[in-house]
Amino acid sequence: MILVINNGNGSFTIHYHPEKLGKSEEELGKMGLLIDTIPEPEIIEGKEAVLRFDGNKLYYDYVDIQPSNEEKIQQLRSELENTIIELTTLIAPQGGNA
């Protein structure tokens, strides 16, 4: 048994051994939500699962994973290389007579 307590402001506490609180199951139920297991998140590429509690159930929000600085630099480098290639193609002599 797992006890999930809503702390307000979007925060919550998960108590994995509520039986050690010395309260009856009825008393624990008044404190929060009693569940058997925490749901497993879906694996979604490019997303991070964030566990949420609305007072009645646990669920996941999926938020975009922000790229690291190294990934941002690599992306910018790649874009710059592609731009240089495009510009070189535009200004390079096309051959033939002018």
N, C-alpha and C. Protein backbone atom coordinates (compact mmCIF):
# COMPACT_ATOMS: atom_id res chain seq x y z
N MET A 1 0.84 -1.17 0.00
CA MET A 1 0.00 0.00 0.00
C MET A 1 0.89 1.24 0.00
N ILE A 2 0.48 2.24 -0.81
CA ILE A 2 1.21 3.49 -0.94
C ILE A 2 0.23 4.62 -0.64
N LEU A 3 0.69 5.61 0.12
CA LEU A 3 -0.14 6.76 0.45
C LEU A 3 0.40 7.99 -0.28
N VAL A 4 -0.48 8.67 -1.02
CA VAL A 4 -0.11 9.89 -1.72
C VAL A 4 -0.87 11.04 -1.06
N ILE A 5 -0.13 12.02 -0.58
CA ILE A 5 -0.72 13.15 0.14
C ILE A 5 -0.52 14.43 -0.67
N ASN A 6 -1.60 15.15 -0.92
CA ASN A 6 -1.55 16.41 -1.65
C ASN A 6 -1.06 17.50 -0.69
N ASN A 7 0.06 18.13 -1.00
CA ASN A 7 0.62 19.19 -0.17
C ASN A 7 0.19 20.57 -0.62
N GLY A 8 -0.55 20.64 -1.71
CA GLY A 8 -0.95 21.93 -2.27
C GLY A 8 0.12 22.48 -3.19
N ASN A 9 -0.24 23.50 -3.95
CA ASN A 9 0.69 24.15 -4.89
C ASN A 9 1.34 23.17 -5.86
N GLY A 10 0.64 22.09 -6.20
CA GLY A 10 1.17 21.13 -7.16
C GLY A 10 2.17 20.15 -6.60
N SER A 11 2.46 20.22 -5.31
CA SER A 11 3.41 19.27 -4.73
C SER A 11 2.66 18.19 -3.95
N PHE A 12 3.30 17.05 -3.83
CA PHE A 12 2.70 15.94 -3.11
C PHE A 12 3.78 15.06 -2.50
N THR A 13 3.38 14.27 -1.52
CA THR A 13 4.28 13.35 -0.85
C THR A 13 3.84 11.93 -1.12
N ILE A 14 4.80 11.07 -1.41
CA ILE A 14 4.51 9.64 -1.58
C ILE A 14 5.11 8.92 -0.39
N HIS A 15 4.27 8.23 0.36
CA HIS A 15 4.71 7.47 1.55
C HIS A 15 4.58 5.99 1.21
N TYR A 16 5.72 5.30 1.11
CA TYR A 16 5.73 3.91 0.66
C TYR A 16 5.40 2.91 1.78
N HIS A 17 5.41 3.35 3.02
CA HIS A 17 5.09 2.46 4.15
C HIS A 17 4.14 3.17 5.12
N PRO A 18 2.93 3.50 4.65
CA PRO A 18 2.01 4.24 5.52
C PRO A 18 1.57 3.43 6.75
N GLU A 19 1.69 2.12 6.69
CA GLU A 19 1.33 1.29 7.85
C GLU A 19 2.20 1.62 9.05
N LYS A 20 3.37 2.18 8.80
CA LYS A 20 4.28 2.54 9.91
C LYS A 20 3.87 3.84 10.59
N LEU A 21 2.83 4.50 10.07
CA LEU A 21 2.36 5.74 10.69
C LEU A 21 1.45 5.46 11.88
N GLY A 22 1.09 4.18 12.07
CA GLY A 22 0.27 3.80 13.21
C GLY A 22 -1.18 4.26 13.10
N LYS A 23 -1.68 4.37 11.89
CA LYS A 23 -3.05 4.79 11.68
C LYS A 23 -3.83 3.70 10.96
N SER A 24 -5.15 3.70 11.12
CA SER A 24 -5.99 2.72 10.44
C SER A 24 -6.05 3.08 8.95
N GLU A 25 -6.49 2.13 8.14
CA GLU A 25 -6.60 2.37 6.70
C GLU A 25 -7.61 3.49 6.44
N GLU A 26 -8.65 3.55 7.25
CA GLU A 26 -9.65 4.60 7.11
C GLU A 26 -9.03 5.98 7.38
N GLU A 27 -8.21 6.07 8.43
CA GLU A 27 -7.54 7.33 8.76
C GLU A 27 -6.56 7.73 7.66
N LEU A 28 -5.84 6.74 7.15
CA LEU A 28 -4.90 7.02 6.06
C LEU A 28 -5.63 7.51 4.82
N GLY A 29 -6.80 6.91 4.55
CA GLY A 29 -7.60 7.33 3.41
C GLY A 29 -8.06 8.77 3.51
N LYS A 30 -8.25 9.25 4.71
CA LYS A 30 -8.63 10.65 4.91
C LYS A 30 -7.44 11.58 4.71
N MET A 31 -6.23 11.06 4.90
CA MET A 31 -5.02 11.87 4.73
C MET A 31 -4.68 12.08 3.25
N GLY A 32 -5.03 11.09 2.44
CA GLY A 32 -4.66 11.17 1.03
C GLY A 32 -5.21 9.98 0.27
N LEU A 33 -4.59 9.68 -0.84
CA LEU A 33 -5.01 8.59 -1.71
C LEU A 33 -4.19 7.34 -1.43
N LEU A 34 -4.88 6.22 -1.20
CA LEU A 34 -4.20 4.93 -1.01
C LEU A 34 -4.23 4.18 -2.33
N ILE A 35 -3.06 3.75 -2.78
CA ILE A 35 -2.95 3.01 -4.04
C ILE A 35 -2.03 1.81 -3.83
N ASP A 36 -2.11 0.86 -4.75
CA ASP A 36 -1.24 -0.32 -4.68
C ASP A 36 0.09 -0.10 -5.38
N THR A 37 0.04 0.60 -6.51
CA THR A 37 1.26 0.84 -7.28
C THR A 37 1.22 2.22 -7.91
N ILE A 38 2.39 2.72 -8.24
CA ILE A 38 2.50 3.98 -8.97
C ILE A 38 2.48 3.63 -10.45
N PRO A 39 1.68 4.33 -11.25
CA PRO A 39 1.61 4.00 -12.67
C PRO A 39 2.96 4.18 -13.36
N GLU A 40 3.17 3.38 -14.38
CA GLU A 40 4.40 3.47 -15.17
C GLU A 40 4.21 4.51 -16.27
N PRO A 41 5.21 5.33 -16.51
CA PRO A 41 5.08 6.32 -17.59
C PRO A 41 5.24 5.66 -18.96
N GLU A 42 4.67 6.30 -19.97
CA GLU A 42 4.91 5.90 -21.34
C GLU A 42 6.29 6.42 -21.74
N ILE A 43 6.92 5.74 -22.66
CA ILE A 43 8.19 6.21 -23.19
C ILE A 43 7.88 6.93 -24.50
N ILE A 44 8.07 8.24 -24.51
CA ILE A 44 7.79 9.04 -25.69
C ILE A 44 9.07 9.77 -26.05
N GLU A 45 9.55 9.52 -27.27
CA GLU A 45 10.81 10.12 -27.70
C GLU A 45 10.73 11.65 -27.66
N GLY A 46 11.74 12.26 -27.07
CA GLY A 46 11.81 13.70 -26.99
C GLY A 46 10.99 14.30 -25.86
N LYS A 47 10.38 13.43 -25.04
CA LYS A 47 9.54 13.90 -23.94
C LYS A 47 10.03 13.30 -22.63
N GLU A 48 9.81 14.04 -21.55
CA GLU A 48 10.12 13.57 -20.21
C GLU A 48 8.81 13.45 -19.45
N ALA A 49 8.63 12.32 -18.77
CA ALA A 49 7.42 12.09 -17.98
C ALA A 49 7.57 12.76 -16.61
N VAL A 50 6.59 13.58 -16.25
CA VAL A 50 6.58 14.27 -14.96
C VAL A 50 5.35 13.79 -14.20
N LEU A 51 5.57 13.13 -13.06
CA LEU A 51 4.47 12.59 -12.26
C LEU A 51 3.72 13.73 -11.59
N ARG A 52 2.39 13.69 -11.70
CA ARG A 52 1.51 14.71 -11.12
C ARG A 52 0.45 14.03 -10.26
N PHE A 53 -0.14 14.81 -9.36
CA PHE A 53 -1.22 14.32 -8.51
C PHE A 53 -2.26 15.43 -8.40
N ASP A 54 -3.51 15.12 -8.74
CA ASP A 54 -4.57 16.13 -8.71
C ASP A 54 -5.46 16.01 -7.48
N GLY A 55 -5.06 15.18 -6.52
CA GLY A 55 -5.86 14.96 -5.32
C GLY A 55 -6.70 13.71 -5.40
N ASN A 56 -6.94 13.24 -6.64
CA ASN A 56 -7.74 12.03 -6.86
C ASN A 56 -6.99 10.91 -7.55
N LYS A 57 -5.99 11.27 -8.32
CA LYS A 57 -5.24 10.25 -9.06
C LYS A 57 -3.84 10.76 -9.41
N LEU A 58 -2.94 9.80 -9.64
CA LEU A 58 -1.61 10.09 -10.14
C LEU A 58 -1.65 9.97 -11.66
N TYR A 59 -0.95 10.84 -12.35
CA TYR A 59 -0.87 10.78 -13.80
C TYR A 59 0.43 11.45 -14.23
N TYR A 60 0.74 11.33 -15.50
CA TYR A 60 1.97 11.92 -16.03
C TYR A 60 1.65 13.02 -17.02
N ASP A 61 2.40 14.10 -16.92
CA ASP A 61 2.45 15.13 -17.97
C ASP A 61 3.73 14.83 -18.75
N TYR A 62 3.69 15.04 -20.04
CA TYR A 62 4.86 14.81 -20.86
C TYR A 62 5.35 16.15 -21.41
N VAL A 63 6.55 16.52 -21.03
CA VAL A 63 7.12 17.80 -21.42
C VAL A 63 8.32 17.58 -22.33
N ASP A 64 8.55 18.56 -23.20
CA ASP A 64 9.68 18.46 -24.12
C ASP A 64 10.99 18.43 -23.35
N ILE A 65 11.89 17.58 -23.78
CA ILE A 65 13.23 17.53 -23.20
C ILE A 65 14.04 18.65 -23.86
N GLN A 66 14.63 19.50 -23.05
CA GLN A 66 15.44 20.60 -23.56
C GLN A 66 16.81 20.07 -23.96
N PRO A 67 17.29 20.44 -25.14
CA PRO A 67 18.61 19.96 -25.55
C PRO A 67 19.71 20.55 -24.67
N SER A 68 20.78 19.78 -24.52
CA SER A 68 21.93 20.26 -23.75
C SER A 68 22.65 21.34 -24.56
N ASN A 69 23.53 22.09 -23.91
CA ASN A 69 24.30 23.11 -24.62
C ASN A 69 25.12 22.49 -25.74
N GLU A 70 25.67 21.31 -25.50
CA GLU A 70 26.46 20.64 -26.54
C GLU A 70 25.58 20.30 -27.74
N GLU A 71 24.36 19.82 -27.49
CA GLU A 71 23.45 19.50 -28.58
C GLU A 71 23.05 20.77 -29.35
N LYS A 72 22.85 21.88 -28.62
CA LYS A 72 22.51 23.15 -29.28
C LYS A 72 23.65 23.61 -30.18
N ILE A 73 24.89 23.49 -29.68
CA ILE A 73 26.06 23.90 -30.46
C ILE A 73 26.17 23.04 -31.71
N GLN A 74 25.98 21.73 -31.57
CA GLN A 74 26.06 20.83 -32.72
C GLN A 74 25.00 21.18 -33.76
N GLN A 75 23.78 21.47 -33.31
CA GLN A 75 22.70 21.85 -34.22
C GLN A 75 23.04 23.14 -34.95
N LEU A 76 23.54 24.14 -34.22
CA LEU A 76 23.92 25.41 -34.85
C LEU A 76 25.06 25.22 -35.84
N ARG A 77 26.03 24.38 -35.48
CA ARG A 77 27.16 24.10 -36.38
C ARG A 77 26.66 23.47 -37.69
N SER A 78 25.74 22.52 -37.56
CA SER A 78 25.18 21.85 -38.73
C SER A 78 24.42 22.84 -39.61
N GLU A 79 23.62 23.70 -38.98
CA GLU A 79 22.87 24.71 -39.74
C GLU A 79 23.82 25.67 -40.45
N LEU A 80 24.90 26.06 -39.77
CA LEU A 80 25.88 26.97 -40.37
C LEU A 80 26.56 26.31 -41.57
N GLU A 81 26.94 25.06 -41.44
CA GLU A 81 27.57 24.33 -42.55
C GLU A 81 26.63 24.25 -43.74
N ASN A 82 25.35 23.98 -43.49
CA ASN A 82 24.38 23.91 -44.59
C ASN A 82 24.21 25.28 -45.25
N THR A 83 24.21 26.34 -44.47
CA THR A 83 24.08 27.69 -45.02
C THR A 83 25.29 28.05 -45.87
N ILE A 84 26.48 27.67 -45.42
CA ILE A 84 27.69 27.94 -46.19
C ILE A 84 27.64 27.21 -47.52
N ILE A 85 27.20 25.97 -47.52
CA ILE A 85 27.08 25.19 -48.76
C ILE A 85 26.10 25.87 -49.72
N GLU A 86 24.95 26.29 -49.19
CA GLU A 86 23.95 26.96 -50.02
C GLU A 86 24.49 28.26 -50.61
N LEU A 87 25.16 29.06 -49.78
CA LEU A 87 25.73 30.32 -50.27
C LEU A 87 26.82 30.09 -51.30
N THR A 88 27.64 29.10 -51.06
CA THR A 88 28.71 28.77 -52.01
C THR A 88 28.12 28.38 -53.35
N THR A 89 27.04 27.63 -53.33
CA THR A 89 26.38 27.20 -54.55
C THR A 89 25.79 28.41 -55.28
N LEU A 90 25.26 29.36 -54.56
CA LEU A 90 24.64 30.54 -55.18
C LEU A 90 25.67 31.50 -55.80
N ILE A 91 26.84 31.64 -55.16
CA ILE A 91 27.81 32.62 -55.66
C ILE A 91 28.90 32.00 -56.52
N ALA A 92 28.97 30.68 -56.56
CA ALA A 92 30.00 30.02 -57.37
C ALA A 92 29.68 30.23 -58.84
N PRO A 93 30.73 30.35 -59.67
CA PRO A 93 30.50 30.49 -61.12
C PRO A 93 29.70 29.29 -61.63
N GLN A 94 28.71 29.58 -62.44
CA GLN A 94 27.84 28.52 -62.96
C GLN A 94 28.42 27.89 -64.22
N GLY A 95 29.52 28.37 -64.66
CA GLY A 95 30.12 27.83 -65.87
C GLY A 95 29.51 28.49 -67.09
N GLY A 96 30.06 28.29 -68.23
CA GLY A 96 29.53 28.90 -69.45
C GLY A 96 30.07 30.30 -69.62
N ASN A 97 29.63 30.97 -70.62
CA ASN A 97 30.10 32.32 -70.93
C ASN A 97 29.15 33.36 -70.35
N ALA A 98 29.71 34.45 -69.89
CA ALA A 98 28.89 35.52 -69.34
C ALA A 98 28.72 36.63 -70.31
